[in-house]
Amino acid sequence: QAFVVAHASGCYKVALRELLADGAVKSQIASTKALDHMQTLESFYTMLKEDPDRACYGPAQVQKAVEMGAVDSLMVTDGLFRSCSL
């Protein structure tokens, strides 16, 4: 099934997090890349809240972190991923 029907308390990011935390929604998207992406993003938000100095931004910082073996997950924006300069 391509669509999941669910109800949220609003229409902002908080409501999206609410939906993605819902067990029924999670079970419906369990076998999709969306769940993996959601878990990675939630892990990032948690890390950013608890230890913001661990986050790297920009090519130079990320390259240095990769060279040090300090990268657990690498998130790339869609715009950067699709750019010719990558």
N, C-alpha and C. Protein backbone atom coordinates (compact mmCIF):
# COMPACT_ATOMS: atom_id res chain seq x y z
N GLN A 1 0.85 -1.18 0.00
CA GLN A 1 0.00 0.00 0.00
C GLN A 1 0.90 1.23 0.00
N ALA A 2 0.60 2.19 -0.86
CA ALA A 2 1.44 3.38 -1.02
C ALA A 2 1.10 4.49 -0.04
N PHE A 3 -0.06 4.44 0.59
CA PHE A 3 -0.47 5.51 1.48
C PHE A 3 -0.80 4.97 2.87
N VAL A 4 -0.52 5.78 3.87
CA VAL A 4 -0.87 5.46 5.25
C VAL A 4 -1.82 6.55 5.71
N VAL A 5 -2.97 6.17 6.21
CA VAL A 5 -3.94 7.13 6.70
C VAL A 5 -3.80 7.24 8.21
N ALA A 6 -3.59 8.47 8.68
CA ALA A 6 -3.43 8.71 10.12
C ALA A 6 -3.90 10.12 10.43
N HIS A 7 -4.19 10.36 11.69
CA HIS A 7 -4.66 11.67 12.13
C HIS A 7 -3.63 12.30 13.06
N ALA A 8 -3.44 13.62 12.90
CA ALA A 8 -2.50 14.36 13.73
C ALA A 8 -3.21 15.53 14.39
N SER A 9 -2.60 16.05 15.44
CA SER A 9 -3.20 17.16 16.17
C SER A 9 -2.98 18.50 15.49
N GLY A 10 -2.14 18.54 14.48
CA GLY A 10 -1.85 19.80 13.80
C GLY A 10 -1.22 19.54 12.45
N CYS A 11 -0.63 20.59 11.89
CA CYS A 11 -0.04 20.45 10.56
C CYS A 11 1.41 20.94 10.51
N TYR A 12 2.06 20.99 11.65
CA TYR A 12 3.45 21.45 11.70
C TYR A 12 4.37 20.28 12.02
N LYS A 13 5.69 20.55 12.14
CA LYS A 13 6.68 19.50 12.37
C LYS A 13 6.38 18.69 13.63
N VAL A 14 5.85 19.33 14.64
CA VAL A 14 5.53 18.63 15.87
C VAL A 14 4.51 17.53 15.59
N ALA A 15 3.53 17.82 14.75
CA ALA A 15 2.51 16.83 14.40
C ALA A 15 3.13 15.68 13.60
N LEU A 16 4.10 15.99 12.76
CA LEU A 16 4.77 14.93 11.99
C LEU A 16 5.52 14.00 12.94
N ARG A 17 6.21 14.57 13.91
CA ARG A 17 6.90 13.75 14.90
C ARG A 17 5.90 12.91 15.69
N GLU A 18 4.76 13.50 16.00
CA GLU A 18 3.70 12.79 16.71
C GLU A 18 3.25 11.57 15.90
N LEU A 19 3.05 11.78 14.61
CA LEU A 19 2.62 10.67 13.75
C LEU A 19 3.69 9.59 13.66
N LEU A 20 4.93 10.00 13.49
CA LEU A 20 6.00 9.03 13.32
C LEU A 20 6.32 8.29 14.62
N ALA A 21 5.90 8.84 15.76
CA ALA A 21 6.09 8.15 17.04
C ALA A 21 4.93 7.20 17.34
N ASP A 22 3.85 7.30 16.60
CA ASP A 22 2.67 6.46 16.79
C ASP A 22 3.00 5.01 16.40
N GLY A 23 2.75 4.08 17.31
CA GLY A 23 3.04 2.67 17.05
C GLY A 23 2.34 2.11 15.83
N ALA A 24 1.09 2.52 15.59
CA ALA A 24 0.34 2.03 14.43
C ALA A 24 0.98 2.50 13.13
N VAL A 25 1.43 3.75 13.12
CA VAL A 25 2.08 4.29 11.92
C VAL A 25 3.43 3.59 11.72
N LYS A 26 4.17 3.43 12.81
CA LYS A 26 5.47 2.75 12.72
C LYS A 26 5.31 1.34 12.15
N SER A 27 4.30 0.63 12.58
CA SER A 27 4.12 -0.74 12.09
C SER A 27 3.78 -0.76 10.60
N GLN A 28 3.08 0.27 10.12
CA GLN A 28 2.72 0.32 8.70
C GLN A 28 3.89 0.71 7.81
N ILE A 29 4.88 1.43 8.38
CA ILE A 29 6.02 1.84 7.56
C ILE A 29 7.29 1.06 7.93
N ALA A 30 7.13 0.00 8.74
CA ALA A 30 8.28 -0.74 9.26
C ALA A 30 9.19 -1.29 8.17
N SER A 31 8.66 -1.65 7.05
CA SER A 31 9.49 -2.25 6.00
C SER A 31 9.88 -1.25 4.92
N THR A 32 9.86 0.02 5.24
CA THR A 32 10.20 1.05 4.26
C THR A 32 11.46 1.79 4.68
N LYS A 33 12.04 2.49 3.72
CA LYS A 33 13.21 3.33 4.01
C LYS A 33 12.82 4.49 4.93
N ALA A 34 11.56 4.88 4.90
CA ALA A 34 11.10 6.00 5.72
C ALA A 34 11.36 5.74 7.20
N LEU A 35 11.14 4.53 7.66
CA LEU A 35 11.36 4.22 9.07
C LEU A 35 12.83 4.34 9.41
N ASP A 36 13.69 3.83 8.56
CA ASP A 36 15.14 3.93 8.78
C ASP A 36 15.57 5.38 8.81
N HIS A 37 15.06 6.18 7.87
CA HIS A 37 15.39 7.61 7.83
C HIS A 37 14.89 8.31 9.08
N MET A 38 13.69 7.97 9.51
CA MET A 38 13.10 8.59 10.69
C MET A 38 13.94 8.27 11.93
N GLN A 39 14.35 7.02 12.07
CA GLN A 39 15.14 6.63 13.23
C GLN A 39 16.50 7.33 13.23
N THR A 40 17.11 7.46 12.06
CA THR A 40 18.39 8.17 11.96
C THR A 40 18.22 9.63 12.34
N LEU A 41 17.16 10.25 11.85
CA LEU A 41 16.91 11.66 12.15
C LEU A 41 16.61 11.87 13.64
N GLU A 42 15.82 10.99 14.23
CA GLU A 42 15.52 11.10 15.66
C GLU A 42 16.80 10.91 16.49
N SER A 43 17.64 9.99 16.08
CA SER A 43 18.92 9.78 16.76
C SER A 43 19.79 11.04 16.67
N PHE A 44 19.78 11.66 15.50
CA PHE A 44 20.53 12.90 15.31
C PHE A 44 20.00 14.01 16.20
N TYR A 45 18.67 14.17 16.25
CA TYR A 45 18.08 15.21 17.10
C TYR A 45 18.43 14.98 18.57
N THR A 46 18.40 13.74 19.01
CA THR A 46 18.74 13.42 20.39
C THR A 46 20.20 13.77 20.67
N MET A 47 21.09 13.35 19.78
CA MET A 47 22.51 13.65 19.94
C MET A 47 22.75 15.15 19.93
N LEU A 48 22.09 15.86 19.04
CA LEU A 48 22.24 17.31 18.93
C LEU A 48 21.79 18.01 20.21
N LYS A 49 20.74 17.49 20.81
CA LYS A 49 20.23 18.07 22.06
C LYS A 49 21.16 17.79 23.23
N GLU A 50 21.69 16.56 23.29
CA GLU A 50 22.50 16.14 24.43
C GLU A 50 23.97 16.52 24.31
N ASP A 51 24.50 16.53 23.09
CA ASP A 51 25.92 16.81 22.88
C ASP A 51 26.13 17.50 21.53
N PRO A 52 25.74 18.78 21.43
CA PRO A 52 25.75 19.47 20.13
C PRO A 52 27.13 19.60 19.49
N ASP A 53 28.20 19.47 20.27
CA ASP A 53 29.54 19.58 19.70
C ASP A 53 29.93 18.38 18.83
N ARG A 54 29.15 17.32 18.89
CA ARG A 54 29.44 16.13 18.07
C ARG A 54 28.98 16.28 16.62
N ALA A 55 28.16 17.25 16.33
CA ALA A 55 27.65 17.43 14.97
C ALA A 55 28.67 18.20 14.13
N CYS A 56 28.81 17.78 12.89
CA CYS A 56 29.72 18.46 11.95
C CYS A 56 28.90 19.00 10.78
N TYR A 57 29.28 20.18 10.33
CA TYR A 57 28.59 20.80 9.21
C TYR A 57 29.63 21.25 8.20
N GLY A 58 29.31 21.12 6.94
CA GLY A 58 30.20 21.61 5.88
C GLY A 58 31.24 20.59 5.47
N PRO A 59 31.68 20.70 4.23
CA PRO A 59 32.61 19.71 3.67
C PRO A 59 33.91 19.54 4.46
N ALA A 60 34.53 20.62 4.92
CA ALA A 60 35.82 20.52 5.61
C ALA A 60 35.68 19.79 6.94
N GLN A 61 34.67 20.16 7.74
CA GLN A 61 34.47 19.50 9.04
C GLN A 61 34.13 18.02 8.86
N VAL A 62 33.27 17.75 7.89
CA VAL A 62 32.85 16.36 7.66
C VAL A 62 34.04 15.53 7.18
N GLN A 63 34.83 16.06 6.27
CA GLN A 63 36.00 15.35 5.76
C GLN A 63 36.96 15.00 6.90
N LYS A 64 37.19 15.95 7.78
CA LYS A 64 38.09 15.72 8.92
C LYS A 64 37.52 14.64 9.83
N ALA A 65 36.23 14.69 10.09
CA ALA A 65 35.59 13.67 10.93
C ALA A 65 35.67 12.29 10.29
N VAL A 66 35.49 12.21 8.99
CA VAL A 66 35.60 10.93 8.27
C VAL A 66 37.01 10.38 8.40
N GLU A 67 38.01 11.23 8.20
CA GLU A 67 39.40 10.82 8.29
C GLU A 67 39.75 10.30 9.69
N MET A 68 39.09 10.84 10.71
CA MET A 68 39.34 10.42 12.09
C MET A 68 38.50 9.19 12.46
N GLY A 69 37.63 8.74 11.55
CA GLY A 69 36.77 7.60 11.83
C GLY A 69 35.67 7.93 12.81
N ALA A 70 35.27 9.18 12.85
CA ALA A 70 34.29 9.65 13.84
C ALA A 70 32.88 9.77 13.29
N VAL A 71 32.63 9.30 12.08
CA VAL A 71 31.30 9.45 11.48
C VAL A 71 30.53 8.14 11.64
N ASP A 72 29.39 8.26 12.32
CA ASP A 72 28.50 7.11 12.46
C ASP A 72 27.44 7.12 11.37
N SER A 73 26.86 8.28 11.14
CA SER A 73 25.84 8.47 10.10
C SER A 73 26.14 9.76 9.36
N LEU A 74 26.00 9.73 8.07
CA LEU A 74 26.21 10.91 7.25
C LEU A 74 24.89 11.26 6.58
N MET A 75 24.39 12.45 6.88
CA MET A 75 23.14 12.91 6.28
C MET A 75 23.47 14.01 5.28
N VAL A 76 22.95 13.84 4.08
CA VAL A 76 23.22 14.78 2.99
C VAL A 76 21.87 15.33 2.52
N THR A 77 21.78 16.64 2.37
CA THR A 77 20.52 17.22 1.90
C THR A 77 20.27 16.78 0.46
N ASP A 78 19.02 16.75 0.09
CA ASP A 78 18.64 16.36 -1.26
C ASP A 78 19.26 17.30 -2.28
N GLY A 79 19.28 18.59 -1.97
CA GLY A 79 19.86 19.57 -2.88
C GLY A 79 21.34 19.33 -3.13
N LEU A 80 22.09 19.03 -2.07
CA LEU A 80 23.52 18.73 -2.22
C LEU A 80 23.73 17.42 -2.95
N PHE A 81 22.91 16.43 -2.62
CA PHE A 81 23.02 15.11 -3.25
C PHE A 81 22.83 15.20 -4.76
N ARG A 82 21.92 16.06 -5.18
CA ARG A 82 21.61 16.18 -6.59
C ARG A 82 22.48 17.22 -7.32
N SER A 83 23.31 17.94 -6.58
CA SER A 83 24.13 18.97 -7.22
C SER A 83 25.27 18.36 -8.00
N CYS A 84 25.74 19.09 -8.98
CA CYS A 84 26.85 18.61 -9.80
C CYS A 84 28.18 18.75 -9.09
N SER A 85 28.23 19.53 -8.02
CA SER A 85 29.50 19.79 -7.35
C SER A 85 29.82 18.76 -6.27
N LEU A 86 29.01 17.76 -6.11
CA LEU A 86 29.23 16.75 -5.08
C LEU A 86 30.29 15.77 -5.49
